[in-house]
Amino acid sequence: MRLGDGLLLAAALSLELFFIHRYWAGATTGDIAVIQSPAGSQEVRLDRDQTLTVMGALGPSILEVRDGAIGFVQSPCSRKICIRSGFHSHAGATTACVPNRISLSVAGMREDGFDAIHH
């Protein structure tokens, strides 16, 4: 690796950090969560603590809304990745229990009007 390669790499990393800060640091807290399941779609407000039972392909999953965040707390899947993903409160956050065919997405708008940036 030569000096020019190092400078190019440093410039690319600096630019990436700039874009991450510019477009993702301003994420706002979501207002609702959209839950998709084999039974359909439902919206849940995140401003009230509650426990939800959602039927999936393998059986019921239990989701909990607590302090403006939502997450899986019980699920019949084997690996429990959905539970380990934790609670989500920022607009655009998404998690799923793929074997049970249940997903949730936190919805809300960023201060600049974008809810996601795709490239």
Protein backbone atom coordinates (compact mmCIF):
# COMPACT_ATOMS: atom_id res chain seq x y z
CA MET A 1 0.00 0.00 0.00
CA ARG A 2 1.44 3.34 -1.02
CA LEU A 3 0.91 6.84 0.33
CA GLY A 4 -1.62 7.65 -2.41
CA ASP A 5 -3.63 4.53 -1.57
CA GLY A 6 -3.71 5.51 2.09
CA LEU A 7 -4.84 9.05 1.28
CA LEU A 8 -7.57 7.74 -1.00
CA LEU A 9 -8.76 5.32 1.67
CA ALA A 10 -8.76 8.07 4.34
CA ALA A 11 -10.75 10.37 2.03
CA ALA A 12 -13.31 7.65 1.29
CA LEU A 13 -13.78 6.86 4.99
CA SER A 14 -14.15 10.55 5.84
CA LEU A 15 -16.78 10.96 3.14
CA GLU A 16 -18.66 7.89 4.40
CA LEU A 17 -18.67 9.21 7.97
CA PHE A 18 -19.95 12.56 6.72
CA PHE A 19 -22.87 10.92 4.91
CA ILE A 20 -23.71 8.68 7.86
CA HIS A 21 -23.83 11.67 10.18
CA ARG A 22 -25.71 13.83 7.68
CA TYR A 23 -28.46 11.37 6.79
CA TRP A 24 -28.82 9.06 9.80
CA ALA A 25 -27.88 10.99 12.94
CA GLY A 26 -31.12 12.99 12.80
CA ALA A 27 -33.44 9.98 13.04
CA THR A 28 -36.48 10.74 15.12
CA THR A 29 -38.49 8.56 17.44
CA GLY A 30 -41.30 6.75 15.68
CA ASP A 31 -44.97 7.26 16.47
CA ILE A 32 -46.37 3.88 15.45
CA ALA A 33 -45.26 0.36 14.63
CA VAL A 34 -46.62 -1.55 11.66
CA ILE A 35 -46.89 -5.28 12.36
CA GLN A 36 -47.20 -7.69 9.42
CA SER A 37 -48.35 -11.26 10.05
CA PRO A 38 -50.11 -14.03 8.13
CA ALA A 39 -53.38 -12.59 9.48
CA GLY A 40 -52.68 -9.18 7.92
CA SER A 41 -51.31 -5.83 8.94
CA GLN A 42 -51.97 -3.75 12.03
CA GLU A 43 -50.70 -0.46 13.41
CA VAL A 44 -49.82 -0.01 17.06
CA ARG A 45 -49.21 3.31 18.80
CA LEU A 46 -45.94 3.51 20.72
CA ASP A 47 -47.05 6.14 23.24
CA ARG A 48 -48.88 3.59 25.44
CA ASP A 49 -47.26 0.60 27.15
CA GLN A 50 -48.98 -2.64 26.16
CA THR A 51 -48.45 -6.32 25.40
CA LEU A 52 -49.62 -7.80 22.10
CA THR A 53 -50.10 -11.40 21.03
CA VAL A 54 -49.70 -11.86 17.27
CA MET A 55 -50.46 -15.20 15.62
CA GLY A 56 -47.84 -16.37 13.17
CA ALA A 57 -47.22 -19.45 11.06
CA LEU A 58 -45.67 -21.38 14.00
CA GLY A 59 -47.89 -19.99 16.74
CA PRO A 60 -48.21 -16.86 18.87
CA SER A 61 -45.44 -14.30 19.27
CA ILE A 62 -45.65 -11.80 22.09
CA LEU A 63 -44.59 -8.22 21.41
CA GLU A 64 -44.28 -5.55 24.04
CA VAL A 65 -44.51 -1.76 23.77
CA ARG A 66 -42.54 -0.15 26.58
CA ASP A 67 -41.33 3.45 26.99
CA GLY A 68 -42.00 4.30 23.33
CA ALA A 69 -40.21 1.24 21.95
CA ILE A 70 -41.43 -2.12 20.64
CA GLY A 71 -39.83 -5.55 20.53
CA PHE A 72 -40.41 -9.29 20.57
CA VAL A 73 -40.41 -10.83 24.07
CA GLN A 74 -41.57 -14.39 23.24
CA SER A 75 -41.73 -16.36 20.01
CA PRO A 76 -42.03 -20.03 19.03
CA CYS A 77 -39.08 -19.86 16.61
CA SER A 78 -35.96 -21.87 17.42
CA ARG A 79 -33.12 -19.32 17.21
CA LYS A 80 -34.88 -16.33 18.93
CA ILE A 81 -33.06 -13.76 16.78
CA CYS A 82 -36.17 -11.58 16.86
CA ILE A 83 -36.03 -11.41 20.66
CA ARG A 84 -32.28 -10.75 20.73
CA SER A 85 -32.69 -7.82 18.34
CA GLY A 86 -34.09 -5.85 21.29
CA PHE A 87 -36.52 -2.96 21.41
CA HIS A 88 -36.84 -0.43 18.60
CA SER A 89 -38.03 3.17 18.77
CA HIS A 90 -36.45 5.06 15.86
CA ALA A 91 -38.34 5.62 12.63
CA GLY A 92 -37.25 3.12 10.03
CA ALA A 93 -36.17 0.40 12.48
CA THR A 94 -37.31 -3.06 11.37
CA THR A 95 -37.10 -6.56 12.82
CA ALA A 96 -38.76 -9.85 11.98
CA CYS A 97 -39.36 -13.38 13.16
CA VAL A 98 -38.86 -14.97 9.76
CA PRO A 99 -39.85 -18.58 10.68
CA ASN A 100 -43.07 -17.30 12.25
CA ARG A 101 -43.68 -14.83 9.35
CA ILE A 102 -44.10 -11.77 11.60
CA SER A 103 -42.33 -8.47 11.03
CA LEU A 104 -42.52 -5.06 12.62
CA SER A 105 -41.40 -1.67 11.40
CA VAL A 106 -41.34 1.57 13.35
CA ALA A 107 -42.90 4.38 11.32
CA GLY A 108 -42.35 8.10 11.59
CA MET A 109 -40.72 10.89 9.67
CA ARG A 110 -37.24 12.31 10.07
CA GLU A 111 -36.92 16.04 10.71
CA ASP A 112 -35.80 16.57 7.11
CA GLY A 113 -38.86 14.74 5.73
CA PHE A 114 -37.13 11.50 4.68
CA ASP A 115 -37.91 8.17 6.33
CA ALA A 116 -35.10 6.34 4.51
CA ILE A 117 -32.26 6.97 2.13
CA HIS A 118 -31.58 4.45 -0.63
CA HIS A 119 -28.62 4.43 -2.96
